[in-house]
Amino acid sequence: MHLNSYMDYDVVIIGAGVVGLAVAKELAETSTKTVLVIDKEARFGQGISSRNSEVIHSGIYYPPDSLKALFCNRGRELIYDFCKKYHIWHNQCGKLVIAEENQQNDLEQLYNRSKENDVPDTRIINQKELSILEPHIRGNGALFVSCTGIHVRP
């Protein structure tokens, strides 16, 4: 494509990673603008997106009522819905935040933060429950956050 051809579009997005594609999708669905996505790689998501953590975050760490907390909660649900709708592999496997000796107060504060942020199904588990759930992990207890997940390309 000749460089002048790019001028035939209302919006040109550089980068076919998760953000570039999300912006293009939103514009395509909500406006009449013409959109072109270009990337130096041969396929989508082979740049920075291919090296992200691929974690579907819970939102437990952010200050209550912050945009990060709000967007993390909403984004997490949208990601799970999208993955289910389009049969994209994901696993809502949950996450453990381990407490060592003298960290029980920190764990309780994190649990309280999760409740303030409306993160679903979080609970503190004791040492016995932790060793049943994950026998190779040593800790005095843990915060179990069931809504955390992963997305990995098969």
N, C-alpha and C. Protein backbone atom coordinates (compact mmCIF):
# COMPACT_ATOMS: atom_id res chain seq x y z
N MET A 1 0.85 -1.17 0.00
CA MET A 1 0.00 0.00 0.00
C MET A 1 0.90 1.23 0.00
N HIS A 2 0.60 2.15 -0.82
CA HIS A 2 1.35 3.40 -0.92
C HIS A 2 1.02 4.31 0.26
N LEU A 3 1.97 5.10 0.71
CA LEU A 3 1.79 5.96 1.87
C LEU A 3 0.57 6.87 1.75
N ASN A 4 0.29 7.39 0.56
CA ASN A 4 -0.87 8.27 0.38
C ASN A 4 -2.19 7.53 0.64
N SER A 5 -2.19 6.21 0.52
CA SER A 5 -3.41 5.44 0.76
C SER A 5 -3.86 5.53 2.21
N TYR A 6 -2.91 5.73 3.13
CA TYR A 6 -3.25 5.87 4.54
C TYR A 6 -4.14 7.08 4.78
N MET A 7 -4.03 8.07 3.93
CA MET A 7 -4.82 9.28 4.09
C MET A 7 -6.28 9.06 3.74
N ASP A 8 -6.60 7.92 3.17
CA ASP A 8 -7.98 7.61 2.81
C ASP A 8 -8.79 7.13 4.02
N TYR A 9 -8.17 7.04 5.19
CA TYR A 9 -8.85 6.57 6.39
C TYR A 9 -9.01 7.72 7.38
N ASP A 10 -10.10 7.68 8.13
CA ASP A 10 -10.30 8.68 9.18
C ASP A 10 -9.35 8.46 10.35
N VAL A 11 -9.10 7.19 10.66
CA VAL A 11 -8.25 6.83 11.79
C VAL A 11 -7.28 5.75 11.35
N VAL A 12 -6.01 5.94 11.66
CA VAL A 12 -5.00 4.91 11.43
C VAL A 12 -4.42 4.54 12.79
N ILE A 13 -4.49 3.28 13.13
CA ILE A 13 -3.98 2.80 14.41
C ILE A 13 -2.71 2.03 14.15
N ILE A 14 -1.63 2.45 14.82
CA ILE A 14 -0.35 1.78 14.68
C ILE A 14 -0.24 0.76 15.81
N GLY A 15 -0.24 -0.50 15.47
CA GLY A 15 -0.09 -1.55 16.46
C GLY A 15 -1.33 -2.42 16.55
N ALA A 16 -1.16 -3.69 16.25
CA ALA A 16 -2.26 -4.65 16.28
C ALA A 16 -2.18 -5.51 17.54
N GLY A 17 -1.87 -4.85 18.65
CA GLY A 17 -1.90 -5.54 19.94
C GLY A 17 -3.27 -5.40 20.56
N VAL A 18 -3.37 -5.77 21.81
CA VAL A 18 -4.67 -5.77 22.48
C VAL A 18 -5.29 -4.38 22.54
N VAL A 19 -4.51 -3.35 22.79
CA VAL A 19 -5.06 -1.99 22.88
C VAL A 19 -5.44 -1.47 21.51
N GLY A 20 -4.56 -1.62 20.53
CA GLY A 20 -4.87 -1.15 19.18
C GLY A 20 -6.11 -1.81 18.61
N LEU A 21 -6.23 -3.12 18.81
CA LEU A 21 -7.40 -3.83 18.31
C LEU A 21 -8.66 -3.46 19.07
N ALA A 22 -8.54 -3.22 20.37
CA ALA A 22 -9.71 -2.82 21.15
C ALA A 22 -10.22 -1.46 20.70
N VAL A 23 -9.30 -0.53 20.45
CA VAL A 23 -9.69 0.80 19.97
C VAL A 23 -10.34 0.69 18.59
N ALA A 24 -9.75 -0.10 17.71
CA ALA A 24 -10.31 -0.28 16.37
C ALA A 24 -11.70 -0.89 16.43
N LYS A 25 -11.88 -1.88 17.27
CA LYS A 25 -13.19 -2.52 17.42
C LYS A 25 -14.23 -1.52 17.91
N GLU A 26 -13.88 -0.76 18.91
CA GLU A 26 -14.82 0.23 19.46
C GLU A 26 -15.21 1.27 18.41
N LEU A 27 -14.21 1.77 17.69
CA LEU A 27 -14.51 2.75 16.64
C LEU A 27 -15.39 2.15 15.54
N ALA A 28 -15.09 0.93 15.16
CA ALA A 28 -15.85 0.27 14.10
C ALA A 28 -17.30 0.04 14.52
N GLU A 29 -17.52 -0.23 15.80
CA GLU A 29 -18.87 -0.53 16.28
C GLU A 29 -19.67 0.71 16.67
N THR A 30 -19.00 1.81 16.97
CA THR A 30 -19.72 2.96 17.52
C THR A 30 -19.63 4.23 16.68
N SER A 31 -18.95 4.17 15.55
CA SER A 31 -18.83 5.38 14.73
C SER A 31 -18.92 5.01 13.25
N THR A 32 -18.92 6.03 12.44
CA THR A 32 -18.92 5.81 10.99
C THR A 32 -17.52 6.04 10.41
N LYS A 33 -16.55 6.22 11.28
CA LYS A 33 -15.18 6.47 10.83
C LYS A 33 -14.59 5.22 10.18
N THR A 34 -13.77 5.44 9.18
CA THR A 34 -13.04 4.33 8.57
C THR A 34 -11.75 4.15 9.36
N VAL A 35 -11.40 2.90 9.61
CA VAL A 35 -10.27 2.59 10.49
C VAL A 35 -9.32 1.64 9.78
N LEU A 36 -8.04 1.93 9.89
CA LEU A 36 -7.00 1.05 9.37
C LEU A 36 -6.05 0.72 10.52
N VAL A 37 -5.79 -0.56 10.72
CA VAL A 37 -4.83 -1.02 11.72
C VAL A 37 -3.61 -1.54 10.99
N ILE A 38 -2.44 -1.01 11.35
CA ILE A 38 -1.21 -1.50 10.72
C ILE A 38 -0.24 -1.94 11.81
N ASP A 39 0.58 -2.90 11.48
CA ASP A 39 1.54 -3.44 12.43
C ASP A 39 2.75 -3.95 11.66
N LYS A 40 3.89 -3.92 12.28
CA LYS A 40 5.10 -4.40 11.61
C LYS A 40 5.17 -5.93 11.56
N GLU A 41 4.39 -6.60 12.42
CA GLU A 41 4.41 -8.07 12.45
C GLU A 41 3.41 -8.63 11.43
N ALA A 42 3.56 -9.89 11.12
CA ALA A 42 2.70 -10.54 10.13
C ALA A 42 1.31 -10.88 10.68
N ARG A 43 1.21 -11.05 12.02
CA ARG A 43 -0.07 -11.43 12.63
C ARG A 43 -0.36 -10.53 13.82
N PHE A 44 -1.62 -10.50 14.24
CA PHE A 44 -2.03 -9.71 15.40
C PHE A 44 -1.35 -10.21 16.67
N GLY A 45 -1.10 -9.30 17.59
CA GLY A 45 -0.65 -9.66 18.93
C GLY A 45 0.72 -10.26 19.05
N GLN A 46 1.60 -10.03 18.07
CA GLN A 46 2.94 -10.63 18.14
C GLN A 46 3.97 -9.67 18.72
N GLY A 47 3.60 -8.43 18.99
CA GLY A 47 4.53 -7.48 19.58
C GLY A 47 4.46 -7.55 21.09
N ILE A 48 4.29 -6.41 21.72
CA ILE A 48 4.24 -6.34 23.17
C ILE A 48 3.13 -7.21 23.73
N SER A 49 2.00 -7.28 23.05
CA SER A 49 0.88 -8.10 23.55
C SER A 49 1.28 -9.56 23.72
N SER A 50 2.23 -10.03 22.93
CA SER A 50 2.64 -11.43 23.06
C SER A 50 3.50 -11.65 24.30
N ARG A 51 3.93 -10.58 24.94
CA ARG A 51 4.77 -10.72 26.12
C ARG A 51 4.10 -10.15 27.37
N ASN A 52 2.79 -9.99 27.35
CA ASN A 52 2.14 -9.50 28.56
C ASN A 52 1.97 -10.64 29.54
N SER A 53 1.51 -10.35 30.73
CA SER A 53 1.39 -11.37 31.77
C SER A 53 0.23 -12.33 31.51
N GLU A 54 -0.72 -11.93 30.66
CA GLU A 54 -1.89 -12.73 30.32
C GLU A 54 -2.70 -13.11 31.56
N VAL A 55 -2.65 -12.25 32.58
CA VAL A 55 -3.42 -12.45 33.80
C VAL A 55 -4.69 -11.63 33.69
N ILE A 56 -5.79 -12.22 34.11
CA ILE A 56 -7.05 -11.50 34.23
C ILE A 56 -7.13 -11.09 35.70
N HIS A 57 -6.90 -9.82 35.94
CA HIS A 57 -6.72 -9.32 37.31
C HIS A 57 -8.02 -9.18 38.08
N SER A 58 -7.89 -9.22 39.40
CA SER A 58 -9.05 -9.15 40.28
C SER A 58 -9.41 -7.72 40.69
N GLY A 59 -8.41 -6.86 40.88
CA GLY A 59 -8.67 -5.50 41.34
C GLY A 59 -8.52 -5.32 42.84
N ILE A 60 -7.86 -6.25 43.51
CA ILE A 60 -7.77 -6.18 44.98
C ILE A 60 -6.78 -5.14 45.49
N TYR A 61 -5.85 -4.70 44.68
CA TYR A 61 -4.78 -3.84 45.17
C TYR A 61 -5.06 -2.34 45.06
N TYR A 62 -6.06 -1.94 44.31
CA TYR A 62 -6.25 -0.53 43.98
C TYR A 62 -7.06 0.20 45.04
N PRO A 63 -6.82 1.51 45.18
CA PRO A 63 -7.60 2.30 46.15
C PRO A 63 -9.10 2.23 45.83
N PRO A 64 -9.92 2.12 46.85
CA PRO A 64 -11.37 2.08 46.62
C PRO A 64 -11.85 3.32 45.86
N ASP A 65 -12.81 3.12 45.00
CA ASP A 65 -13.42 4.18 44.20
C ASP A 65 -12.46 4.80 43.19
N SER A 66 -11.30 4.18 42.97
CA SER A 66 -10.37 4.69 41.96
C SER A 66 -10.79 4.15 40.59
N LEU A 67 -10.34 4.83 39.54
CA LEU A 67 -10.63 4.35 38.19
C LEU A 67 -10.01 2.98 37.95
N LYS A 68 -8.82 2.75 38.52
CA LYS A 68 -8.18 1.44 38.34
C LYS A 68 -9.05 0.33 38.92
N ALA A 69 -9.61 0.56 40.11
CA ALA A 69 -10.47 -0.46 40.72
C ALA A 69 -11.72 -0.65 39.88
N LEU A 70 -12.33 0.44 39.48
CA LEU A 70 -13.56 0.38 38.68
C LEU A 70 -13.32 -0.33 37.35
N PHE A 71 -12.28 0.08 36.63
CA PHE A 71 -12.00 -0.50 35.32
C PHE A 71 -11.53 -1.95 35.42
N CYS A 72 -10.83 -2.27 36.49
CA CYS A 72 -10.37 -3.65 36.66
C CYS A 72 -11.58 -4.57 36.84
N ASN A 73 -12.51 -4.18 37.69
CA ASN A 73 -13.71 -4.99 37.89
C ASN A 73 -14.52 -5.13 36.61
N ARG A 74 -14.78 -4.03 35.97
CA ARG A 74 -15.58 -4.05 34.73
C ARG A 74 -14.84 -4.78 33.62
N GLY A 75 -13.55 -4.50 33.48
CA GLY A 75 -12.75 -5.13 32.44
C GLY A 75 -12.65 -6.63 32.62
N ARG A 76 -12.52 -7.07 33.85
CA ARG A 76 -12.42 -8.51 34.13
C ARG A 76 -13.69 -9.22 33.64
N GLU A 77 -14.84 -8.67 33.97
CA GLU A 77 -16.08 -9.29 33.54
C GLU A 77 -16.24 -9.26 32.02
N LEU A 78 -15.84 -8.16 31.40
CA LEU A 78 -15.91 -8.07 29.94
C LEU A 78 -14.99 -9.09 29.28
N ILE A 79 -13.79 -9.28 29.85
CA ILE A 79 -12.85 -10.26 29.28
C ILE A 79 -13.43 -11.67 29.38
N TYR A 80 -13.96 -12.03 30.55
CA TYR A 80 -14.54 -13.37 30.68
C TYR A 80 -15.71 -13.56 29.71
N ASP A 81 -16.57 -12.56 29.59
CA ASP A 81 -17.71 -12.65 28.66
C ASP A 81 -17.21 -12.81 27.22
N PHE A 82 -16.21 -12.02 26.84
CA PHE A 82 -15.67 -12.07 25.49
C PHE A 82 -15.05 -13.45 25.21
N CYS A 83 -14.28 -13.94 26.16
CA CYS A 83 -13.64 -15.25 25.98
C CYS A 83 -14.68 -16.36 25.83
N LYS A 84 -15.73 -16.29 26.62
CA LYS A 84 -16.79 -17.31 26.52
C LYS A 84 -17.51 -17.20 25.18
N LYS A 85 -17.85 -15.98 24.81
CA LYS A 85 -18.61 -15.76 23.57
C LYS A 85 -17.84 -16.25 22.34
N TYR A 86 -16.53 -16.00 22.30
CA TYR A 86 -15.74 -16.33 21.12
C TYR A 86 -14.87 -17.58 21.31
N HIS A 87 -15.14 -18.34 22.36
CA HIS A 87 -14.46 -19.61 22.62
C HIS A 87 -12.94 -19.43 22.68
N ILE A 88 -12.52 -18.41 23.43
CA ILE A 88 -11.10 -18.14 23.63
C ILE A 88 -10.68 -18.80 24.93
N TRP A 89 -9.61 -19.56 24.85
CA TRP A 89 -9.17 -20.31 26.03
C TRP A 89 -8.83 -19.36 27.16
N HIS A 90 -9.33 -19.66 28.34
CA HIS A 90 -9.02 -18.95 29.56
C HIS A 90 -9.31 -19.88 30.73
N ASN A 91 -8.78 -19.54 31.87
CA ASN A 91 -9.01 -20.36 33.05
C ASN A 91 -9.18 -19.44 34.25
N GLN A 92 -10.36 -19.44 34.82
CA GLN A 92 -10.60 -18.66 36.03
C GLN A 92 -10.14 -19.51 37.20
N CYS A 93 -8.82 -19.56 37.37
CA CYS A 93 -8.19 -20.47 38.32
C CYS A 93 -8.07 -19.91 39.72
N GLY A 94 -8.25 -18.61 39.87
CA GLY A 94 -8.08 -18.00 41.17
C GLY A 94 -6.63 -17.69 41.46
N LYS A 95 -6.43 -17.07 42.60
CA LYS A 95 -5.09 -16.64 42.98
C LYS A 95 -4.97 -16.73 44.49
N LEU A 96 -3.78 -17.05 44.95
CA LEU A 96 -3.48 -17.08 46.38
C LEU A 96 -2.46 -15.99 46.70
N VAL A 97 -2.76 -15.19 47.70
CA VAL A 97 -1.79 -14.23 48.23
C VAL A 97 -1.37 -14.80 49.58
N ILE A 98 -0.12 -15.22 49.66
CA ILE A 98 0.37 -15.97 50.82
C ILE A 98 0.83 -15.02 51.93
N ALA A 99 0.48 -15.37 53.17
CA ALA A 99 0.93 -14.62 54.33
C ALA A 99 1.96 -15.45 55.09
N GLU A 100 3.09 -14.85 55.33
CA GLU A 100 4.10 -15.47 56.17
C GLU A 100 3.83 -15.07 57.63
N GLU A 101 4.70 -15.51 58.50
CA GLU A 101 4.57 -15.14 59.91
C GLU A 101 4.53 -13.62 60.07
N ASN A 102 3.68 -13.13 60.91
CA ASN A 102 3.52 -11.69 61.20
C ASN A 102 2.93 -10.89 60.04
N GLN A 103 2.33 -11.53 59.06
CA GLN A 103 1.70 -10.81 57.95
C GLN A 103 0.18 -10.96 57.93
N GLN A 104 -0.38 -11.51 59.00
CA GLN A 104 -1.83 -11.73 59.03
C GLN A 104 -2.60 -10.41 58.95
N ASN A 105 -2.10 -9.36 59.61
CA ASN A 105 -2.77 -8.05 59.55
C ASN A 105 -2.77 -7.51 58.11
N ASP A 106 -1.64 -7.66 57.43
CA ASP A 106 -1.56 -7.22 56.03
C ASP A 106 -2.57 -7.98 55.17
N LEU A 107 -2.70 -9.26 55.43
CA LEU A 107 -3.63 -10.09 54.67
C LEU A 107 -5.08 -9.63 54.92
N GLU A 108 -5.38 -9.33 56.17
CA GLU A 108 -6.73 -8.86 56.51
C GLU A 108 -7.01 -7.50 55.86
N GLN A 109 -6.01 -6.63 55.81
CA GLN A 109 -6.19 -5.33 55.14
C GLN A 109 -6.46 -5.52 53.65
N LEU A 110 -5.74 -6.45 53.04
CA LEU A 110 -5.96 -6.73 51.62
C LEU A 110 -7.35 -7.33 51.40
N TYR A 111 -7.77 -8.19 52.31
CA TYR A 111 -9.12 -8.75 52.23
C TYR A 111 -10.16 -7.64 52.33
N ASN A 112 -9.97 -6.73 53.27
CA ASN A 112 -10.90 -5.61 53.43
C ASN A 112 -10.92 -4.74 52.17
N ARG A 113 -9.76 -4.52 51.58
CA ARG A 113 -9.68 -3.74 50.33
C ARG A 113 -10.47 -4.44 49.24
N SER A 114 -10.36 -5.77 49.17
CA SER A 114 -11.11 -6.51 48.14
C SER A 114 -12.61 -6.32 48.32
N LYS A 115 -13.07 -6.28 49.56
CA LYS A 115 -14.49 -6.06 49.82
C LYS A 115 -14.90 -4.64 49.46
N GLU A 116 -14.05 -3.65 49.78
CA GLU A 116 -14.33 -2.25 49.43
C GLU A 116 -14.43 -2.08 47.92
N ASN A 117 -13.65 -2.88 47.18
CA ASN A 117 -13.63 -2.78 45.72
C ASN A 117 -14.63 -3.71 45.05
N ASP A 118 -15.49 -4.34 45.83
CA ASP A 118 -16.51 -5.25 45.30
C ASP A 118 -15.92 -6.39 44.47
N VAL A 119 -14.77 -6.88 44.88
CA VAL A 119 -14.16 -8.03 44.21
C VAL A 119 -14.90 -9.28 44.71
N PRO A 120 -15.48 -10.05 43.81
CA PRO A 120 -16.30 -11.18 44.25
C PRO A 120 -15.49 -12.35 44.80
N ASP A 121 -16.09 -13.04 45.74
CA ASP A 121 -15.58 -14.32 46.27
C ASP A 121 -14.12 -14.29 46.66
N THR A 122 -13.81 -13.43 47.62
CA THR A 122 -12.48 -13.47 48.23
C THR A 122 -12.66 -13.98 49.65
N ARG A 123 -11.69 -14.74 50.12
CA ARG A 123 -11.76 -15.24 51.49
C ARG A 123 -10.37 -15.55 52.01
N ILE A 124 -10.23 -15.40 53.31
CA ILE A 124 -8.97 -15.75 53.96
C ILE A 124 -9.04 -17.23 54.33
N ILE A 125 -7.99 -17.94 53.99
CA ILE A 125 -7.91 -19.35 54.35
C ILE A 125 -6.75 -19.55 55.32
N ASN A 126 -6.92 -20.51 56.21
CA ASN A 126 -5.88 -20.77 57.21
C ASN A 126 -4.80 -21.69 56.64
N GLN A 127 -3.80 -21.95 57.47
CA GLN A 127 -2.65 -22.75 57.05
C GLN A 127 -3.06 -24.16 56.61
N LYS A 128 -4.01 -24.75 57.33
CA LYS A 128 -4.46 -26.10 56.99
C LYS A 128 -5.15 -26.11 55.62
N GLU A 129 -6.05 -25.16 55.39
CA GLU A 129 -6.73 -25.08 54.08
C GLU A 129 -5.73 -24.82 52.96
N LEU A 130 -4.73 -23.98 53.24
CA LEU A 130 -3.70 -23.68 52.25
C LEU A 130 -2.94 -24.94 51.86
N SER A 131 -2.54 -25.75 52.85
CA SER A 131 -1.78 -26.95 52.51
C SER A 131 -2.62 -28.01 51.80
N ILE A 132 -3.92 -28.00 52.02
CA ILE A 132 -4.79 -28.92 51.27
C ILE A 132 -4.91 -28.45 49.82
N LEU A 133 -5.10 -27.14 49.65
CA LEU A 133 -5.26 -26.57 48.31
C LEU A 133 -3.98 -26.62 47.50
N GLU A 134 -2.87 -26.27 48.13
CA GLU A 134 -1.55 -26.26 47.46
C GLU A 134 -0.51 -26.84 48.40
N PRO A 135 -0.29 -28.15 48.38
CA PRO A 135 0.59 -28.80 49.35
C PRO A 135 2.06 -28.36 49.30
N HIS A 136 2.50 -27.78 48.21
CA HIS A 136 3.91 -27.39 48.09
C HIS A 136 4.17 -25.94 48.50
N ILE A 137 3.13 -25.24 48.91
CA ILE A 137 3.29 -23.85 49.35
C ILE A 137 3.28 -23.81 50.86
N ARG A 138 4.22 -23.07 51.43
CA ARG A 138 4.30 -22.90 52.87
C ARG A 138 3.92 -21.47 53.22
N GLY A 139 3.02 -21.32 54.15
CA GLY A 139 2.61 -20.01 54.62
C GLY A 139 1.71 -20.17 55.82
N ASN A 140 1.47 -19.08 56.51
CA ASN A 140 0.61 -19.12 57.69
C ASN A 140 -0.85 -18.96 57.34
N GLY A 141 -1.14 -18.62 56.13
CA GLY A 141 -2.50 -18.43 55.64
C GLY A 141 -2.43 -17.77 54.28
N ALA A 142 -3.59 -17.49 53.74
CA ALA A 142 -3.60 -16.88 52.41
C ALA A 142 -4.94 -16.20 52.17
N LEU A 143 -4.92 -15.30 51.22
CA LEU A 143 -6.15 -14.73 50.68
C LEU A 143 -6.40 -15.44 49.37
N PHE A 144 -7.57 -16.07 49.26
CA PHE A 144 -7.94 -16.73 48.01
C PHE A 144 -8.87 -15.79 47.25
N VAL A 145 -8.51 -15.51 45.99
CA VAL A 145 -9.28 -14.61 45.14
C VAL A 145 -9.71 -15.41 43.92
N SER A 146 -10.96 -15.83 43.91
CA SER A 146 -11.40 -16.79 42.88
C SER A 146 -11.60 -16.18 41.50
N CYS A 147 -11.79 -14.85 41.41
CA CYS A 147 -12.11 -14.26 40.10
C CYS A 147 -10.88 -14.00 39.23
N THR A 148 -9.69 -14.17 39.78
CA THR A 148 -8.47 -13.99 38.98
C THR A 148 -8.34 -15.16 38.01
N GLY A 149 -7.83 -14.88 36.83
CA GLY A 149 -7.68 -15.94 35.86
C GLY A 149 -6.50 -15.70 34.94
N ILE A 150 -6.38 -16.55 33.97
CA ILE A 150 -5.30 -16.44 32.99
C ILE A 150 -5.86 -16.68 31.59
N HIS A 151 -5.17 -16.10 30.64
CA HIS A 151 -5.46 -16.35 29.23
C HIS A 151 -4.12 -16.73 28.60
N VAL A 152 -4.07 -17.88 28.02
CA VAL A 152 -2.85 -18.35 27.37
C VAL A 152 -3.25 -18.90 26.01
N ARG A 153 -2.49 -18.52 25.02
CA ARG A 153 -2.76 -19.07 23.69
C ARG A 153 -2.42 -20.55 23.69
N PRO A 154 -3.33 -21.40 23.17
CA PRO A 154 -3.04 -22.85 23.14
C PRO A 154 -1.89 -23.18 22.21
